[in-house]
Protein backbone atom coordinates (compact mmCIF):
# COMPACT_ATOMS: atom_id res chain seq x y z
CA MET A 1 -83.88 48.49 -13.41
CA ALA A 2 -81.31 51.32 -14.17
CA GLU A 3 -81.51 52.42 -17.67
CA LYS A 4 -78.63 51.30 -20.09
CA ARG A 5 -76.05 54.02 -20.64
CA LYS A 6 -74.87 54.61 -24.21
CA GLY A 7 -71.65 52.55 -24.68
CA GLU A 8 -72.13 50.54 -21.57
CA PHE A 9 -71.33 47.21 -23.13
CA MET A 10 -68.49 48.30 -25.35
CA GLY A 11 -66.85 50.12 -22.70
CA LYS A 12 -66.99 47.25 -20.26
CA GLU A 13 -65.76 44.65 -22.83
CA LEU A 14 -62.90 46.65 -24.24
CA ALA A 15 -61.62 46.86 -20.87
CA GLU A 16 -61.95 43.13 -20.34
CA GLY A 17 -59.63 42.73 -23.35
CA SER A 18 -56.50 41.89 -21.36
CA ASP A 19 -58.24 39.32 -19.12
CA ALA A 20 -59.46 37.50 -22.32
CA VAL A 21 -56.04 37.40 -23.62
CA LEU A 22 -54.59 35.76 -20.50
CA ARG A 23 -57.37 33.35 -20.14
CA THR A 24 -56.99 32.28 -23.73
CA LEU A 25 -53.36 31.95 -23.24
CA ARG A 26 -53.85 29.70 -20.34
CA GLU A 27 -57.02 27.76 -21.32
CA ALA A 28 -56.76 27.13 -25.03
CA ALA A 29 -53.24 25.84 -25.08
CA ASP A 30 -54.28 22.12 -25.72
CA GLN A 31 -56.50 23.09 -28.52
CA VAL A 32 -53.72 25.29 -30.03
CA ALA A 33 -51.34 22.43 -29.80
CA SER A 34 -53.86 19.95 -31.50
CA ALA A 35 -54.30 22.61 -34.28
CA ALA A 36 -50.43 22.94 -34.73
CA ASN A 37 -50.09 19.39 -34.90
CA LEU A 38 -52.76 19.00 -37.50
CA LEU A 39 -50.81 21.68 -39.75
CA THR A 40 -47.47 19.89 -39.05
CA ASP A 41 -49.05 16.62 -40.13
CA LEU A 42 -50.32 18.08 -43.32
CA GLU A 43 -47.06 19.79 -44.13
CA ALA A 44 -45.47 16.42 -43.67
CA LYS A 45 -47.87 14.89 -46.15
CA GLY A 46 -47.23 17.60 -48.61
CA VAL A 47 -50.06 19.97 -47.94
CA ALA A 48 -48.26 23.04 -47.06
CA SER A 49 -50.74 25.47 -48.57
CA GLY A 50 -53.98 26.85 -47.23
CA PHE A 51 -56.30 29.73 -46.87
CA ILE A 52 -57.43 31.72 -43.65
CA ILE A 53 -60.89 33.11 -43.88
CA GLY A 54 -63.07 35.53 -41.96
CA SER A 55 -65.55 38.32 -42.28
CA GLY A 56 -65.22 41.91 -40.92
CA THR A 57 -63.12 41.99 -37.85
CA SER A 58 -62.50 38.24 -38.25
CA PHE A 59 -60.97 38.85 -41.67
CA HIS A 60 -58.49 41.36 -40.02
CA ALA A 61 -57.52 38.64 -37.69
CA SER A 62 -57.12 36.29 -40.65
CA LEU A 63 -54.61 38.81 -42.20
CA PHE A 64 -52.58 38.81 -38.87
CA LEU A 65 -52.45 35.12 -38.78
CA GLN A 66 -51.41 35.08 -42.53
CA GLN A 67 -48.51 37.39 -41.88
CA LEU A 68 -47.40 35.39 -38.82
CA LEU A 69 -47.44 31.96 -40.52
CA SER A 70 -45.72 33.54 -43.55
CA LYS A 71 -43.04 35.18 -41.45
CA TYR A 72 -42.39 32.34 -39.06
CA THR A 73 -43.30 29.02 -40.81
CA SER A 74 -42.81 27.45 -44.23
CA LEU A 75 -46.52 27.06 -44.76
CA HIS A 76 -47.95 29.21 -47.71
CA VAL A 77 -51.35 30.84 -46.70
CA ALA A 78 -53.68 33.42 -48.16
CA ALA A 79 -56.29 35.44 -46.12
CA ILE A 80 -59.62 35.73 -48.13
CA PRO A 81 -62.96 37.18 -47.19
CA ALA A 82 -65.13 34.26 -46.14
CA SER A 83 -67.85 35.40 -48.53
CA GLU A 84 -65.44 35.23 -51.52
CA PHE A 85 -63.84 31.75 -50.64
CA ALA A 86 -66.22 29.76 -53.06
CA GLU A 87 -64.90 31.90 -55.94
CA TRP A 88 -61.12 31.78 -54.91
CA ARG A 89 -60.75 28.21 -53.95
CA PRO A 90 -58.59 26.12 -56.17
CA GLU A 91 -60.08 23.48 -58.41
CA ARG A 92 -56.90 21.25 -58.06
CA GLY A 93 -54.61 20.36 -55.49
CA LYS A 94 -54.84 19.91 -51.67
CA TYR A 95 -55.07 22.55 -49.22
CA PHE A 96 -56.29 23.39 -45.54
CA ILE A 97 -58.41 26.05 -44.48
CA ILE A 98 -58.40 28.09 -41.23
CA GLY A 99 -61.56 29.86 -40.31
CA TYR A 100 -62.16 32.96 -37.80
CA SER A 101 -65.74 33.48 -36.51
CA GLN A 102 -66.54 34.96 -33.28
CA SER A 103 -70.06 33.53 -33.25
CA GLY A 104 -69.14 30.37 -35.15
CA GLU A 105 -72.57 30.92 -37.02
CA SER A 106 -71.87 33.44 -39.68
CA SER A 107 -73.38 31.96 -42.97
CA ASP A 108 -70.59 33.09 -45.04
CA ILE A 109 -67.92 31.10 -43.24
CA VAL A 110 -69.98 28.08 -42.33
CA GLU A 111 -70.77 27.74 -46.03
CA ALA A 112 -67.07 28.12 -46.93
CA PHE A 113 -66.28 25.34 -44.40
CA ASN A 114 -68.72 23.03 -45.94
CA VAL A 115 -67.43 23.74 -49.52
CA ALA A 116 -63.78 22.96 -48.25
CA LYS A 117 -64.97 19.89 -46.49
CA SER A 118 -66.81 18.53 -49.61
CA THR A 119 -63.35 18.65 -51.38
CA GLY A 120 -61.63 16.64 -48.55
CA ALA A 121 -59.76 19.83 -47.14
CA LYS A 122 -58.84 19.75 -43.46
CA THR A 123 -60.23 22.53 -41.48
CA ILE A 124 -59.42 24.40 -38.28
CA ALA A 125 -62.01 26.88 -36.51
CA ILE A 126 -61.17 29.67 -34.26
CA THR A 127 -64.13 30.87 -32.55
CA ASN A 128 -65.42 32.42 -29.15
CA THR A 129 -68.29 30.04 -29.04
CA PRO A 130 -67.89 26.41 -27.78
CA GLY A 131 -70.41 24.23 -29.34
CA SER A 132 -71.00 26.31 -32.40
CA THR A 133 -71.66 25.12 -35.77
CA LEU A 134 -68.09 26.06 -36.94
CA ALA A 135 -66.46 24.38 -33.94
CA ARG A 136 -68.58 21.16 -34.46
CA ILE A 137 -67.76 20.71 -38.30
CA ALA A 138 -64.16 21.55 -38.04
CA ASP A 139 -61.21 18.97 -37.70
CA ALA A 140 -59.76 21.01 -34.94
CA ALA A 141 -61.19 23.95 -33.05
CA ILE A 142 -59.60 26.69 -31.00
CA VAL A 143 -62.14 28.36 -28.68
CA THR A 144 -60.95 31.81 -27.39
CA ARG A 145 -61.92 32.66 -23.88
CA ALA A 146 -63.44 36.22 -24.34
CA GLY A 147 -66.66 35.34 -22.68
CA GLU A 148 -69.99 36.92 -23.98
CA GLU A 149 -69.78 40.15 -25.98
CA LYS A 150 -73.00 42.15 -26.10
CA ALA A 151 -71.70 45.15 -28.02
CA VAL A 152 -72.16 44.94 -31.89
CA ALA A 153 -68.53 46.24 -32.33
CA ALA A 154 -66.12 43.53 -31.52
CA THR A 155 -63.34 44.43 -29.06
CA LYS A 156 -62.34 41.84 -26.45
CA THR A 157 -63.02 38.96 -28.96
CA PHE A 158 -60.70 40.58 -31.46
CA ASP A 159 -58.08 40.68 -28.77
CA ALA A 160 -58.50 36.91 -28.28
CA GLN A 161 -58.57 36.16 -31.85
CA LEU A 162 -55.08 38.04 -32.22
CA THR A 163 -54.08 35.98 -29.12
CA ALA A 164 -55.10 32.76 -30.94
CA ALA A 165 -53.21 33.84 -34.02
CA LEU A 166 -49.96 34.34 -32.09
CA MET A 167 -50.37 31.17 -30.11
CA LEU A 168 -50.94 28.97 -33.26
CA ALA A 169 -48.16 30.50 -35.35
CA TYR A 170 -45.60 30.30 -32.36
CA LYS A 171 -46.37 26.97 -31.63
CA VAL A 172 -45.91 25.75 -35.12
CA ALA A 173 -42.53 27.58 -35.18
CA GLY A 174 -41.39 26.55 -31.84
CA LYS A 175 -41.31 30.15 -30.59
CA SER A 176 -41.88 31.33 -26.83
CA LEU A 177 -45.29 32.86 -26.05
CA GLY A 178 -43.90 35.32 -23.27
CA GLU A 179 -44.41 38.27 -25.27
CA ILE A 180 -48.08 37.59 -25.22
CA GLU A 181 -48.40 38.11 -21.50
CA ARG A 182 -46.38 41.28 -21.73
CA ALA A 183 -48.68 42.64 -24.63
CA ALA A 184 -51.77 41.94 -22.19
CA GLU A 185 -50.20 44.12 -19.80
CA ALA A 186 -49.35 46.88 -22.21
CA ALA A 187 -53.05 46.79 -23.33
CA ARG A 188 -54.25 47.29 -19.62
CA LYS A 189 -51.82 50.32 -19.61
CA VAL A 190 -53.48 51.83 -22.51
CA LEU A 191 -56.75 52.14 -20.47
CA SER A 192 -54.67 54.34 -17.95
CA GLU A 193 -53.91 56.70 -20.79
CA ASP A 194 -57.66 57.12 -21.43
CA GLY A 195 -57.46 60.96 -21.14
CA ARG A 196 -54.93 61.20 -23.90
CA VAL A 197 -56.96 58.94 -26.11
CA LYS A 198 -60.04 60.73 -25.49
CA GLY A 199 -58.31 63.99 -26.44
CA VAL A 200 -57.59 62.35 -29.81
CA ALA A 201 -61.15 61.52 -30.23
CA GLU A 202 -62.35 64.98 -29.41
CA ALA A 203 -59.90 66.46 -32.01
CA MET A 204 -61.88 64.23 -34.48
CA VAL A 205 -65.51 65.07 -33.65
CA LYS A 206 -66.05 67.29 -36.69
CA ALA A 207 -63.94 65.30 -39.26
CA GLU A 208 -65.79 63.93 -42.20
CA HIS A 209 -63.14 61.43 -43.13
CA ALA A 210 -60.22 59.78 -41.66
CA PHE A 211 -57.42 57.47 -42.56
CA CYS A 212 -55.83 54.41 -40.50
CA LEU A 213 -52.32 53.56 -41.62
CA GLY A 214 -50.14 50.72 -40.47
CA ARG A 215 -46.80 48.84 -41.29
CA GLY A 216 -46.12 45.25 -40.58
CA VAL A 217 -48.61 43.91 -38.00
CA GLY A 218 -49.81 47.25 -37.70
CA TYR A 219 -51.45 47.05 -41.08
CA PRO A 220 -54.29 44.67 -40.24
CA ILE A 221 -54.65 46.76 -37.16
CA ALA A 222 -55.15 49.87 -39.34
CA LEU A 223 -57.72 48.20 -41.20
CA GLU A 224 -59.59 47.03 -37.90
CA ALA A 225 -59.29 50.63 -36.67
CA ALA A 226 -60.98 52.00 -39.88
CA LEU A 227 -63.68 49.54 -39.48
CA LYS A 228 -64.39 50.50 -35.76
CA LEU A 229 -64.58 54.13 -36.71
CA LYS A 230 -67.30 53.21 -39.25
CA GLU A 231 -69.05 50.89 -37.06
CA ALA A 232 -69.30 52.62 -33.85
CA ALA A 233 -68.67 56.24 -34.73
CA MET A 234 -70.10 56.62 -38.20
CA LEU A 235 -67.03 58.18 -39.48
CA HIS A 236 -66.07 57.50 -42.90
CA ALA A 237 -62.61 55.88 -42.45
CA GLU A 238 -60.27 53.70 -44.57
CA GLY A 239 -57.26 51.54 -43.76
CA PHE A 240 -53.99 51.37 -45.81
CA ALA A 241 -50.46 50.18 -45.57
CA VAL A 242 -48.28 53.36 -44.91
CA ARG A 243 -46.35 53.56 -48.04
CA GLU A 244 -49.29 52.42 -50.29
CA PHE A 245 -51.05 55.48 -49.10
CA LEU A 246 -48.80 57.46 -51.28
CA HIS A 247 -50.09 55.64 -54.22
CA GLY A 248 -53.28 57.51 -54.79
CA PRO A 249 -55.16 58.22 -51.49
CA LEU A 250 -52.86 60.86 -50.39
CA GLN A 251 -54.82 63.06 -52.75
CA LEU A 252 -57.65 63.08 -50.55
CA VAL A 253 -55.70 64.46 -47.34
CA GLU A 254 -56.49 67.97 -46.31
CA GLU A 255 -55.77 69.97 -43.06
CA ASN A 256 -58.88 68.56 -41.39
CA THR A 257 -58.37 64.93 -42.24
CA PRO A 258 -57.08 62.89 -39.30
CA VAL A 259 -54.38 60.25 -40.13
CA LEU A 260 -53.79 57.70 -37.54
CA VAL A 261 -50.59 55.65 -37.88
CA TYR A 262 -50.19 52.34 -36.01
CA ALA A 263 -46.61 50.62 -35.76
CA ALA A 264 -45.64 47.92 -33.60
CA SER A 265 -41.99 49.01 -33.10
CA LYS A 266 -39.82 52.00 -33.36
CA GLY A 267 -38.36 50.40 -36.48
CA GLY A 268 -41.90 50.57 -38.14
CA PHE A 269 -42.01 54.43 -37.62
CA GLU A 270 -38.44 54.67 -39.00
CA ALA A 271 -39.35 52.67 -42.31
CA SER A 272 -42.28 54.97 -42.55
CA ALA A 273 -40.57 58.33 -42.00
CA LYS A 274 -40.49 59.40 -45.62
CA ALA A 275 -44.23 58.76 -46.06
CA LEU A 276 -45.16 60.47 -42.87
CA GLU A 277 -43.01 63.71 -43.84
CA ARG A 278 -44.94 63.64 -47.21
CA ILE A 279 -48.30 63.39 -45.49
CA ALA A 280 -47.27 66.17 -42.79
CA GLY A 281 -46.45 68.37 -45.71
CA HIS A 282 -50.27 68.62 -46.29
CA LYS A 283 -50.69 69.78 -42.76
CA ALA A 284 -52.89 66.67 -41.93
CA PRO A 285 -53.24 65.99 -38.23
CA ILE A 286 -51.24 63.04 -37.73
CA VAL A 287 -51.62 60.76 -34.71
CA LEU A 288 -48.77 58.28 -34.18
CA ILE A 289 -49.59 54.96 -32.10
CA GLY A 290 -46.80 52.81 -30.96
CA PRO A 291 -43.70 52.17 -29.21
CA GLU A 292 -41.32 55.35 -28.88
CA ALA A 293 -43.88 57.33 -31.03
CA SER A 294 -42.68 60.50 -29.27
CA SER A 295 -39.30 60.10 -31.08
CA PHE A 296 -41.28 61.01 -34.26
CA SER A 297 -43.39 63.70 -32.73
CA ASN A 298 -42.19 66.44 -35.38
CA TYR A 299 -44.66 64.69 -37.75
CA ALA A 300 -47.34 64.41 -35.39
CA PHE A 301 -50.48 66.47 -33.93
CA SER A 302 -50.59 63.83 -31.18
CA VAL A 303 -48.59 60.52 -30.06
CA ILE A 304 -50.10 57.67 -28.10
CA GLU A 305 -46.96 55.51 -26.81
CA ILE A 306 -47.27 51.72 -26.31
CA GLN A 307 -44.96 50.67 -23.31
CA ASP A 308 -43.54 47.48 -22.09
CA ALA A 309 -44.33 45.26 -24.97
CA GLU A 310 -42.49 43.76 -27.80
CA GLY A 311 -42.53 42.04 -30.97
CA ASP A 312 -45.69 40.97 -33.15
CA ALA A 313 -47.82 40.85 -29.94
CA ASN A 314 -47.60 44.59 -30.00
CA ALA A 315 -50.87 44.37 -32.24
CA ILE A 316 -52.83 43.48 -29.05
CA PRO A 317 -52.10 47.09 -27.28
CA LEU A 318 -52.33 48.82 -30.82
CA ALA A 319 -55.98 47.32 -31.18
CA LYS A 320 -56.76 48.46 -27.63
CA VAL A 321 -56.04 52.19 -28.79
CA ALA A 322 -57.97 51.82 -31.88
CA GLN A 323 -60.85 50.41 -29.94
CA LEU A 324 -60.82 53.25 -27.33
CA ILE A 325 -60.60 55.99 -29.99
CA SER A 326 -63.83 54.73 -31.51
CA TYR A 327 -65.60 54.25 -28.43
CA HIS A 328 -64.87 57.85 -27.08
CA LEU A 329 -65.77 59.41 -30.59
CA SER A 330 -68.94 57.61 -30.82
CA LEU A 331 -69.99 58.91 -27.42
CA LEU A 332 -68.83 62.36 -28.37
CA ARG A 333 -71.01 62.18 -31.29
CA GLY A 334 -74.04 61.34 -29.32
CA LEU A 335 -74.20 57.78 -30.75
CA ASP A 336 -74.68 54.48 -28.86
CA PRO A 337 -71.52 52.23 -29.89
CA ASP A 338 -73.31 49.22 -28.56
CA LYS A 339 -76.16 49.18 -31.14
CA PRO A 340 -75.10 50.71 -34.47
CA ALA A 341 -78.57 51.11 -36.15
CA LYS A 342 -77.89 49.24 -39.47
CA LEU A 343 -75.68 46.27 -38.04
CA THR A 344 -76.25 42.98 -36.34
CA LYS A 345 -73.85 40.80 -34.12
CA ILE A 346 -74.32 37.89 -36.46
CA VAL A 347 -74.71 37.83 -40.34
CA LYS A 348 -76.82 34.76 -41.09
CA TYR A 349 -78.61 35.97 -44.19
């Protein structure tokens, strides 16, 4: 049997992300419709408030879904880390809960669902594992179609989680799903830019710290990008909303501090221009990632453009860039991104 190469699983799985998006789009439609109907029925009965919970990467998917539901529907939702839900949940009033878990077995989220169900709250699970504990105990379950993921760092499962969020929010809002297919193709095209992305990683090899910034749907992607750099490449990285970065963290920027900026549209870069100018003034190497990023290259050390996608679904190709950077940086640092020494795929303790 051939010896496993470093990063073999993560490299293969991140390349399968577009297929995971399209399979989820095709095969989970009925489950999404059932979950959307549950939310609509609850709202008709006066239960229009709820929580979306998850841990790690799944929490970033929760933030993405929170933004979509807040933007496109009249539902009132708050994303909370699963481990904190017992402390945050209301003592009075009715609510629903949506939970993200790739495995459907994480102790934090299973416990949170049990707490919610004990109060009579309706529950929706979004998981990549059919027959998992979370899927069994939920009132409705959306099973994403990413397939088995062996690498500890989530890639294609996160792509599928973003897809489920878009499908659910758009179904409740009566919005077309067409942009999701285009986003899957845009994510596939990111892989053809592998040389440019690897060049960004090469410039980060000696960095001790990095910042990932985002605006709009780019914000949860920035948080996920920072997590991937920590998990896979052992680089201390933090994620912020672009303009929030000016409220303190800017103090830490130096000439050797990479700043990666994720925006889902040209408008996102335009709205961030003053902040980018301020950051560039401290000679930080800025990388702009998103549609028409080259229009703002005067602020940037490098740009990675997202092509042929639109709207909030651009989060999918943005995430692919983040995954690819962390993958290359891990290998360049001599690490194995498949097996971070201190992490496990499922947290059950």
